[in-house]
Amino acid sequence: MEMLTGLTFLRMLKTDLVKYYRKTFWDDLINKSIWVGCVLIISTYIWPHVGMSEQFGLFMAIGSLVSCSFWDAWGVTAQFVSDLTGSREIDYYITLPIPSWVFFIKQMVFYTVRSMASAWIMIPLSKLILGARLDLWSISYGKFILIFIMTNIFCSTLSLLMTSLVKNMDTIDNVSVRFLFPMWFFGGSQFSWMTFYAAAPLFAYLNLCNPLVYAMEAMHVAFLGQEHYLPFWVCILMLCVFSGICGYIGTRRLIRQLDCVRS
């Protein structure tokens, strides 16, 4: 039974990955390149003329590695909700002779691999736009790989939680505007946590409840060093905690909503 479950898991994952690479991968790559490219050109070459730091483009480039994965989670959430309220291809998967939670684990793994597959382009793209401002030799690649993986795992669990919160496609924008945008805007893509603390200590401490802060801070540590950022390993630990919480709650809610045959 365990071998059958494992083989079924791998076949489901392979099917999703092959479908993604054939139909969506290049579109994702182009979309992210255009978005990040525009942001970096403006933040590197335009904003310094209105008083922003010369290093702001580099800061934004590093944050884009997290932002791409974060907003990718919203895209797959929309696709999942569309299936739940439309063709319901999921009905086939949840009636397979495997525990229902295996399907949701497969979804998390698929979302993680999918997001990582297209987000990597941000590094060579950033180097192309930033030039000498981005020193590839100063990156701690061990820390970068770890936080890159952890960020995408967290975003995959977040997508399951968001899917469980959306009732239908008519209300899907409520989650993005009321939940995702504030989370991202205060998540440290444009400023470090210590900068926020210097400006508003109380709100900075409250913002520690925002898991995106830990992803952003750890990613900047990997590129720029530990000084001026939250401790790297604390960030990794907190991302593990938030990933576990989001994954567990999202999976349990979806299993109840779908009235799965096998839990």
C-alpha atoms as a PDB file:
ATOM      1  CA  MET A   1       0.000   0.000   0.000  1.00  0.00           C
ATOM      2  CA  GLU A   2       2.787   2.435   0.897  1.00  0.00           C
ATOM      3  CA  MET A   3       4.613   1.607  -2.346  1.00  0.00           C
ATOM      4  CA  LEU A   4       1.406   2.174  -4.333  1.00  0.00           C
ATOM      5  CA  THR A   5       0.902   5.517  -2.614  1.00  0.00           C
ATOM      6  CA  GLY A   6       4.477   6.551  -3.371  1.00  0.00           C
ATOM      7  CA  LEU A   7       4.230   5.562  -7.028  1.00  0.00           C
ATOM      8  CA  THR A   8       0.904   7.366  -7.399  1.00  0.00           C
ATOM      9  CA  PHE A   9       2.419  10.481  -5.817  1.00  0.00           C
ATOM     10  CA  LEU A  10       5.337  10.457  -8.251  1.00  0.00           C
ATOM     11  CA  ARG A  11       3.092   9.900 -11.274  1.00  0.00           C
ATOM     12  CA  MET A  12       0.792  12.773 -10.273  1.00  0.00           C
ATOM     13  CA  LEU A  13       3.790  15.038  -9.746  1.00  0.00           C
ATOM     14  CA  LYS A  14       5.345  14.046 -13.070  1.00  0.00           C
ATOM     15  CA  THR A  15       2.071  14.694 -14.906  1.00  0.00           C
ATOM     16  CA  ASP A  16       1.778  18.202 -13.445  1.00  0.00           C
ATOM     17  CA  LEU A  17       5.419  19.085 -14.124  1.00  0.00           C
ATOM     18  CA  VAL A  18       5.325  17.869 -17.738  1.00  0.00           C
ATOM     19  CA  LYS A  19       2.125  19.826 -18.338  1.00  0.00           C
ATOM     20  CA  TYR A  20       3.650  22.941 -16.771  1.00  0.00           C
ATOM     21  CA  TYR A  21       6.875  22.819 -18.772  1.00  0.00           C
ATOM     22  CA  ARG A  22       5.032  22.231 -22.028  1.00  0.00           C
ATOM     23  CA  LYS A  23       2.332  24.877 -21.616  1.00  0.00           C
ATOM     24  CA  THR A  24       3.279  27.518 -19.030  1.00  0.00           C
ATOM     25  CA  PHE A  25       6.993  27.604 -18.212  1.00  0.00           C
ATOM     26  CA  TRP A  26       8.144  30.007 -20.931  1.00  0.00           C
ATOM     27  CA  ASP A  27       5.234  32.348 -20.320  1.00  0.00           C
ATOM     28  CA  ASP A  28       6.133  32.459 -16.619  1.00  0.00           C
ATOM     29  CA  LEU A  29       9.752  33.168 -17.467  1.00  0.00           C
ATOM     30  CA  ILE A  30       8.851  36.010 -19.816  1.00  0.00           C
ATOM     31  CA  ASN A  31       6.288  37.537 -17.439  1.00  0.00           C
ATOM     32  CA  LYS A  32       8.646  37.562 -14.481  1.00  0.00           C
ATOM     33  CA  SER A  33      11.496  38.930 -16.572  1.00  0.00           C
ATOM     34  CA  ILE A  34       9.380  41.833 -17.809  1.00  0.00           C
ATOM     35  CA  TRP A  35       8.048  42.654 -14.351  1.00  0.00           C
ATOM     36  CA  VAL A  36      11.390  42.485 -12.558  1.00  0.00           C
ATOM     37  CA  GLY A  37      13.231  44.139 -15.428  1.00  0.00           C
ATOM     38  CA  CYS A  38      10.929  47.170 -15.298  1.00  0.00           C
ATOM     39  CA  VAL A  39      11.237  47.425 -11.514  1.00  0.00           C
ATOM     40  CA  LEU A  40      15.030  47.227 -11.581  1.00  0.00           C
ATOM     41  CA  ILE A  41      15.492  49.731 -14.403  1.00  0.00           C
ATOM     42  CA  ILE A  42      13.323  52.297 -12.598  1.00  0.00           C
ATOM     43  CA  SER A  43      14.771  51.682  -9.112  1.00  0.00           C
ATOM     44  CA  THR A  44      18.390  51.630 -10.345  1.00  0.00           C
ATOM     45  CA  TYR A  45      18.490  54.427 -12.906  1.00  0.00           C
ATOM     46  CA  ILE A  46      15.487  56.691 -12.253  1.00  0.00           C
ATOM     47  CA  TRP A  47      14.740  56.754  -8.524  1.00  0.00           C
ATOM     48  CA  PRO A  48      18.270  57.866  -7.487  1.00  0.00           C
ATOM     49  CA  HIS A  49      17.544  61.126  -9.352  1.00  0.00           C
ATOM     50  CA  VAL A  50      14.665  61.855  -6.971  1.00  0.00           C
ATOM     51  CA  GLY A  51      16.681  61.181  -3.813  1.00  0.00           C
ATOM     52  CA  MET A  52      16.654  57.375  -3.432  1.00  0.00           C
ATOM     53  CA  SER A  53      19.862  55.549  -2.504  1.00  0.00           C
ATOM     54  CA  GLU A  54      22.166  54.397  -5.281  1.00  0.00           C
ATOM     55  CA  GLN A  55      21.925  50.905  -3.751  1.00  0.00           C
ATOM     56  CA  PHE A  56      18.138  50.772  -3.830  1.00  0.00           C
ATOM     57  CA  GLY A  57      18.129  48.905  -7.149  1.00  0.00           C
ATOM     58  CA  LEU A  58      20.289  46.166  -5.616  1.00  0.00           C
ATOM     59  CA  PHE A  59      17.970  45.948  -2.612  1.00  0.00           C
ATOM     60  CA  MET A  60      14.957  45.580  -4.885  1.00  0.00           C
ATOM     61  CA  ALA A  61      16.717  42.990  -7.036  1.00  0.00           C
ATOM     62  CA  ILE A  62      17.321  40.760  -4.019  1.00  0.00           C
ATOM     63  CA  GLY A  63      13.760  41.194  -2.822  1.00  0.00           C
ATOM     64  CA  SER A  64      12.434  40.277  -6.264  1.00  0.00           C
ATOM     65  CA  LEU A  65      13.612  36.696  -5.739  1.00  0.00           C
ATOM     66  CA  VAL A  66      11.122  36.462  -2.890  1.00  0.00           C
ATOM     67  CA  SER A  67       8.429  38.598  -4.510  1.00  0.00           C
ATOM     68  CA  CYS A  68       8.321  36.426  -7.639  1.00  0.00           C
ATOM     69  CA  SER A  69       7.668  33.302  -5.612  1.00  0.00           C
ATOM     70  CA  PHE A  70       5.172  35.094  -3.386  1.00  0.00           C
ATOM     71  CA  TRP A  71       3.009  36.375  -6.238  1.00  0.00           C
ATOM     72  CA  ASP A  72       3.387  33.090  -8.096  1.00  0.00           C
ATOM     73  CA  ALA A  73       1.534  31.536  -5.174  1.00  0.00           C
ATOM     74  CA  TRP A  74      -1.376  33.812  -5.984  1.00  0.00           C
ATOM     75  CA  GLY A  75      -1.396  32.620  -9.590  1.00  0.00           C
ATOM     76  CA  VAL A  76      -1.601  28.938  -8.694  1.00  0.00           C
ATOM     77  CA  THR A  77      -4.253  29.742  -6.080  1.00  0.00           C
ATOM     78  CA  ALA A  78      -6.415  31.305  -8.781  1.00  0.00           C
ATOM     79  CA  GLN A  79      -5.941  28.220 -10.969  1.00  0.00           C
ATOM     80  CA  PHE A  80      -6.856  25.890  -8.103  1.00  0.00           C
ATOM     81  CA  VAL A  81      -9.975  27.890  -7.193  1.00  0.00           C
ATOM     82  CA  SER A  82     -10.989  27.997 -10.859  1.00  0.00           C
ATOM     83  CA  ASP A  83     -10.847  24.188 -10.974  1.00  0.00           C
ATOM     84  CA  LEU A  84     -12.773  23.836  -7.707  1.00  0.00           C
ATOM     85  CA  THR A  85     -15.572  26.045  -9.008  1.00  0.00           C
ATOM     86  CA  GLY A  86     -15.418  24.875 -12.626  1.00  0.00           C
ATOM     87  CA  SER A  87     -14.276  21.654 -14.281  1.00  0.00           C
ATOM     88  CA  ARG A  88     -13.308  20.030 -10.960  1.00  0.00           C
ATOM     89  CA  GLU A  89     -10.496  17.855 -12.274  1.00  0.00           C
ATOM     90  CA  ILE A  90      -9.561  17.482  -8.612  1.00  0.00           C
ATOM     91  CA  ASP A  91     -12.465  15.053  -8.138  1.00  0.00           C
ATOM     92  CA  TYR A  92     -10.457  12.391  -9.971  1.00  0.00           C
ATOM     93  CA  TYR A  93      -7.423  12.806  -7.716  1.00  0.00           C
ATOM     94  CA  ILE A  94      -9.240  12.810  -4.380  1.00  0.00           C
ATOM     95  CA  THR A  95     -11.028   9.545  -5.228  1.00  0.00           C
ATOM     96  CA  LEU A  96      -7.788   7.670  -5.918  1.00  0.00           C
ATOM     97  CA  PRO A  97      -6.981   4.829  -3.467  1.00  0.00           C
ATOM     98  CA  ILE A  98      -4.519   7.000  -1.507  1.00  0.00           C
ATOM     99  CA  PRO A  99      -4.909   9.228   1.560  1.00  0.00           C
ATOM    100  CA  SER A 100      -6.275  12.622   0.523  1.00  0.00           C
ATOM    101  CA  TRP A 101      -3.439  14.466   2.224  1.00  0.00           C
ATOM    102  CA  VAL A 102      -0.994  12.875  -0.248  1.00  0.00           C
ATOM    103  CA  PHE A 103      -2.643  14.837  -3.058  1.00  0.00           C
ATOM    104  CA  PHE A 104      -2.164  18.110  -1.174  1.00  0.00           C
ATOM    105  CA  ILE A 105       1.457  17.269  -0.407  1.00  0.00           C
ATOM    106  CA  LYS A 106       1.873  16.699  -4.141  1.00  0.00           C
ATOM    107  CA  GLN A 107       0.357  20.134  -4.764  1.00  0.00           C
ATOM    108  CA  MET A 108       2.856  21.756  -2.389  1.00  0.00           C
ATOM    109  CA  VAL A 109       5.813  19.983  -3.996  1.00  0.00           C
ATOM    110  CA  PHE A 110       4.581  20.893  -7.478  1.00  0.00           C
ATOM    111  CA  TYR A 111       4.071  24.553  -6.545  1.00  0.00           C
ATOM    112  CA  THR A 112       7.544  24.672  -4.971  1.00  0.00           C
ATOM    113  CA  VAL A 113       9.314  23.201  -8.018  1.00  0.00           C
ATOM    114  CA  ARG A 114       7.234  25.282 -10.428  1.00  0.00           C
ATOM    115  CA  SER A 115       8.052  28.548  -8.687  1.00  0.00           C
ATOM    116  CA  MET A 116      11.765  27.780  -8.356  1.00  0.00           C
ATOM    117  CA  ALA A 117      11.994  26.753 -12.020  1.00  0.00           C
ATOM    118  CA  SER A 118      11.187  30.246 -13.282  1.00  0.00           C
ATOM    119  CA  ALA A 119      12.429  32.427 -10.405  1.00  0.00           C
ATOM    120  CA  TRP A 120      16.107  31.560 -10.984  1.00  0.00           C
ATOM    121  CA  ILE A 121      16.189  33.870 -14.012  1.00  0.00           C
ATOM    122  CA  MET A 122      16.120  36.854 -11.645  1.00  0.00           C
ATOM    123  CA  ILE A 123      19.829  36.472 -10.795  1.00  0.00           C
ATOM    124  CA  PRO A 124      21.287  36.705 -14.340  1.00  0.00           C
ATOM    125  CA  LEU A 125      18.672  39.319 -15.233  1.00  0.00           C
ATOM    126  CA  SER A 126      19.595  41.397 -12.190  1.00  0.00           C
ATOM    127  CA  LYS A 127      23.294  41.115 -13.035  1.00  0.00           C
ATOM    128  CA  LEU A 128      22.593  42.245 -16.584  1.00  0.00           C
ATOM    129  CA  ILE A 129      20.704  45.342 -15.428  1.00  0.00           C
ATOM    130  CA  LEU A 130      22.701  46.212 -12.310  1.00  0.00           C
ATOM    131  CA  GLY A 131      26.158  45.452 -13.678  1.00  0.00           C
ATOM    132  CA  ALA A 132      28.920  45.999 -11.100  1.00  0.00           C
ATOM    133  CA  ARG A 133      26.341  46.919  -8.447  1.00  0.00           C
ATOM    134  CA  LEU A 134      25.662  43.192  -7.990  1.00  0.00           C
ATOM    135  CA  ASP A 135      28.760  41.265  -6.962  1.00  0.00           C
ATOM    136  CA  LEU A 136      28.088  37.584  -7.616  1.00  0.00           C
ATOM    137  CA  TRP A 137      31.253  36.603  -5.738  1.00  0.00           C
ATOM    138  CA  SER A 138      30.003  38.094  -2.474  1.00  0.00           C
ATOM    139  CA  ILE A 139      26.894  35.899  -2.349  1.00  0.00           C
ATOM    140  CA  SER A 140      26.758  33.169   0.289  1.00  0.00           C
ATOM    141  CA  TYR A 141      25.462  30.486  -2.060  1.00  0.00           C
ATOM    142  CA  GLY A 142      24.822  27.946   0.682  1.00  0.00           C
ATOM    143  CA  LYS A 143      22.524  30.388   2.487  1.00  0.00           C
ATOM    144  CA  PHE A 144      20.983  31.504  -0.789  1.00  0.00           C
ATOM    145  CA  ILE A 145      20.036  27.966  -1.844  1.00  0.00           C
ATOM    146  CA  LEU A 146      18.562  27.264   1.592  1.00  0.00           C
ATOM    147  CA  ILE A 147      16.467  30.415   1.786  1.00  0.00           C
ATOM    148  CA  PHE A 148      15.441  30.093  -1.869  1.00  0.00           C
ATOM    149  CA  ILE A 149      14.066  26.608  -1.197  1.00  0.00           C
ATOM    150  CA  MET A 150      12.444  27.610   2.102  1.00  0.00           C
ATOM    151  CA  THR A 151      10.800  30.668   0.546  1.00  0.00           C
ATOM    152  CA  ASN A 152       9.227  28.575  -2.183  1.00  0.00           C
ATOM    153  CA  ILE A 153       8.093  25.905   0.278  1.00  0.00           C
ATOM    154  CA  PHE A 154       6.425  28.585   2.377  1.00  0.00           C
ATOM    155  CA  CYS A 155       4.735  30.120  -0.664  1.00  0.00           C
ATOM    156  CA  SER A 156       3.434  26.717  -1.716  1.00  0.00           C
ATOM    157  CA  THR A 157       1.841  26.147   1.694  1.00  0.00           C
ATOM    158  CA  LEU A 158       0.471  29.688   1.644  1.00  0.00           C
ATOM    159  CA  SER A 159      -1.231  28.956  -1.682  1.00  0.00           C
ATOM    160  CA  LEU A 160      -3.100  26.025  -0.122  1.00  0.00           C
ATOM    161  CA  LEU A 161      -4.220  28.201   2.774  1.00  0.00           C
ATOM    162  CA  MET A 162      -5.395  30.936   0.406  1.00  0.00           C
ATOM    163  CA  THR A 163      -7.275  28.400  -1.714  1.00  0.00           C
ATOM    164  CA  SER A 164      -9.121  27.203   1.367  1.00  0.00           C
ATOM    165  CA  LEU A 165     -10.130  30.800   2.205  1.00  0.00           C
ATOM    166  CA  VAL A 166     -11.560  31.695  -1.211  1.00  0.00           C
ATOM    167  CA  LYS A 167     -15.241  30.825  -1.684  1.00  0.00           C
ATOM    168  CA  ASN A 168     -15.403  31.362  -5.447  1.00  0.00           C
ATOM    169  CA  MET A 169     -13.861  33.333  -8.316  1.00  0.00           C
ATOM    170  CA  ASP A 170     -16.164  36.292  -7.600  1.00  0.00           C
ATOM    171  CA  THR A 171     -14.515  36.861  -4.211  1.00  0.00           C
ATOM    172  CA  ILE A 172     -10.960  35.905  -5.084  1.00  0.00           C
ATOM    173  CA  ASP A 173      -9.775  39.522  -5.279  1.00  0.00           C
ATOM    174  CA  ASN A 174     -10.764  40.035  -1.647  1.00  0.00           C
ATOM    175  CA  VAL A 175      -7.949  37.751  -0.533  1.00  0.00           C
ATOM    176  CA  SER A 176      -5.321  39.472  -2.677  1.00  0.00           C
ATOM    177  CA  VAL A 177      -6.309  43.028  -1.654  1.00  0.00           C
ATOM    178  CA  ARG A 178      -7.066  42.405   2.022  1.00  0.00           C
ATOM    179  CA  PHE A 179      -4.418  39.792   2.773  1.00  0.00           C
ATOM    180  CA  LEU A 180      -1.650  39.433   0.200  1.00  0.00           C
ATOM    181  CA  PHE A 181      -0.971  43.052  -0.710  1.00  0.00           C
ATOM    182  CA  PRO A 182      -0.537  44.286   2.915  1.00  0.00           C
ATOM    183  CA  MET A 183       1.579  41.216   3.633  1.00  0.00           C
ATOM    184  CA  TRP A 184       3.872  42.005   0.700  1.00  0.00           C
ATOM    185  CA  PHE A 185       3.898  45.786   1.131  1.00  0.00           C
ATOM    186  CA  PHE A 186       5.042  45.502   4.762  1.00  0.00           C
ATOM    187  CA  GLY A 187       7.106  42.375   4.103  1.00  0.00           C
ATOM    188  CA  GLY A 188      10.426  44.118   3.517  1.00  0.00           C
ATOM    189  CA  SER A 189      10.671  44.233  -0.260  1.00  0.00           C
ATOM    190  CA  GLN A 190      11.475  47.950  -0.130  1.00  0.00           C
ATOM    191  CA  PHE A 191      13.007  48.349   3.329  1.00  0.00           C
ATOM    192  CA  SER A 192      14.684  46.195   5.967  1.00  0.00           C
ATOM    193  CA  TRP A 193      13.054  45.304   9.263  1.00  0.00           C
ATOM    194  CA  MET A 194      15.607  47.413  11.143  1.00  0.00           C
ATOM    195  CA  THR A 195      14.704  50.435   9.016  1.00  0.00           C
ATOM    196  CA  PHE A 196      11.069  49.866   9.914  1.00  0.00           C
ATOM    197  CA  TYR A 197      12.058  49.503  13.581  1.00  0.00           C
ATOM    198  CA  ALA A 198      13.935  52.809  13.519  1.00  0.00           C
ATOM    199  CA  ALA A 199      10.844  54.542  12.138  1.00  0.00           C
ATOM    200  CA  ALA A 200       8.106  52.799  14.130  1.00  0.00           C
ATOM    201  CA  PRO A 201       9.306  50.289  16.774  1.00  0.00           C
ATOM    202  CA  LEU A 202       5.872  49.103  17.883  1.00  0.00           C
ATOM    203  CA  PHE A 203       4.632  48.423  14.363  1.00  0.00           C
ATOM    204  CA  ALA A 204       7.963  46.761  13.525  1.00  0.00           C
ATOM    205  CA  TYR A 205       7.455  44.266  16.355  1.00  0.00           C
ATOM    206  CA  LEU A 206       3.887  43.622  15.201  1.00  0.00           C
ATOM    207  CA  ASN A 207       5.253  43.063  11.708  1.00  0.00           C
ATOM    208  CA  LEU A 208       7.232  40.088  12.988  1.00  0.00           C
ATOM    209  CA  CYS A 209       3.948  38.204  12.624  1.00  0.00           C
ATOM    210  CA  ASN A 210       4.376  38.621   8.875  1.00  0.00           C
ATOM    211  CA  PRO A 211       6.202  35.532   7.515  1.00  0.00           C
ATOM    212  CA  LEU A 212       7.330  37.377   4.398  1.00  0.00           C
ATOM    213  CA  VAL A 213       9.606  39.517   6.579  1.00  0.00           C
ATOM    214  CA  TYR A 214      11.727  36.477   7.394  1.00  0.00           C
ATOM    215  CA  ALA A 215      12.035  35.438   3.762  1.00  0.00           C
ATOM    216  CA  MET A 216      13.090  38.940   2.692  1.00  0.00           C
ATOM    217  CA  GLU A 217      15.524  39.411   5.553  1.00  0.00           C
ATOM    218  CA  ALA A 218      17.221  36.040   5.052  1.00  0.00           C
ATOM    219  CA  MET A 219      17.508  36.582   1.294  1.00  0.00           C
ATOM    220  CA  HIS A 220      19.231  39.923   1.881  1.00  0.00           C
ATOM    221  CA  VAL A 221      21.589  38.288   4.384  1.00  0.00           C
ATOM    222  CA  ALA A 222      22.606  35.744   1.731  1.00  0.00           C
ATOM    223  CA  PHE A 223      23.528  38.550  -0.677  1.00  0.00           C
ATOM    224  CA  LEU A 224      24.673  41.404   1.574  1.00  0.00           C
ATOM    225  CA  GLY A 225      25.815  39.812   4.839  1.00  0.00           C
ATOM    226  CA  GLN A 226      24.299  39.580   8.304  1.00  0.00           C
ATOM    227  CA  GLU A 227      24.771  43.196   9.433  1.00  0.00           C
ATOM    228  CA  HIS A 228      21.573  45.300   9.499  1.00  0.00           C
ATOM    229  CA  TYR A 229      19.246  42.310   9.134  1.00  0.00           C
ATOM    230  CA  LEU A 230      17.463  39.797  11.344  1.00  0.00           C
ATOM    231  CA  PRO A 231      19.519  36.680  12.226  1.00  0.00           C
ATOM    232  CA  PHE A 232      19.551  34.297   9.277  1.00  0.00           C
ATOM    233  CA  TRP A 233      18.853  31.107  11.213  1.00  0.00           C
ATOM    234  CA  VAL A 234      16.014  32.709  13.145  1.00  0.00           C
ATOM    235  CA  CYS A 235      14.450  33.574   9.785  1.00  0.00           C
ATOM    236  CA  ILE A 236      14.828  29.982   8.583  1.00  0.00           C
ATOM    237  CA  LEU A 237      13.248  28.658  11.785  1.00  0.00           C
ATOM    238  CA  MET A 238      10.308  31.050  11.553  1.00  0.00           C
ATOM    239  CA  LEU A 239       9.710  30.154   7.912  1.00  0.00           C
ATOM    240  CA  CYS A 240       9.594  26.486   8.915  1.00  0.00           C
ATOM    241  CA  VAL A 241       7.024  27.309  11.592  1.00  0.00           C
ATOM    242  CA  PHE A 242       4.843  29.402   9.281  1.00  0.00           C
ATOM    243  CA  SER A 243       5.112  26.789   6.507  1.00  0.00           C
ATOM    244  CA  GLY A 244       3.919  24.101   8.896  1.00  0.00           C
ATOM    245  CA  ILE A 245       1.014  26.220  10.123  1.00  0.00           C
ATOM    246  CA  CYS A 246      -0.145  27.284   6.644  1.00  0.00           C
ATOM    247  CA  GLY A 247       0.260  23.805   5.196  1.00  0.00           C
ATOM    248  CA  TYR A 248      -1.602  22.085   8.023  1.00  0.00           C
ATOM    249  CA  ILE A 249      -4.497  24.540   8.214  1.00  0.00           C
ATOM    250  CA  GLY A 250      -4.850  24.799   4.447  1.00  0.00           C
ATOM    251  CA  THR A 251      -4.827  21.036   3.942  1.00  0.00           C
ATOM    252  CA  ARG A 252      -7.296  20.340   6.746  1.00  0.00           C
ATOM    253  CA  ARG A 253      -9.682  23.041   5.542  1.00  0.00           C
ATOM    254  CA  LEU A 254      -9.589  21.784   1.950  1.00  0.00           C
ATOM    255  CA  ILE A 255     -10.131  18.168   3.016  1.00  0.00           C
ATOM    256  CA  ARG A 256     -13.238  19.230   4.965  1.00  0.00           C
ATOM    257  CA  GLN A 257     -14.526  21.468   2.169  1.00  0.00           C
ATOM    258  CA  LEU A 258     -14.086  18.763  -0.473  1.00  0.00           C
ATOM    259  CA  ASP A 259     -15.488  16.079   1.807  1.00  0.00           C
ATOM    260  CA  CYS A 260     -12.661  13.789   0.772  1.00  0.00           C
ATOM    261  CA  VAL A 261     -13.376  10.079   0.825  1.00  0.00           C
ATOM    262  CA  ARG A 262     -10.032   9.184   2.422  1.00  0.00           C
ATOM    263  CA  SER A 263      -8.400  11.550   4.911  1.00  0.00           C
END
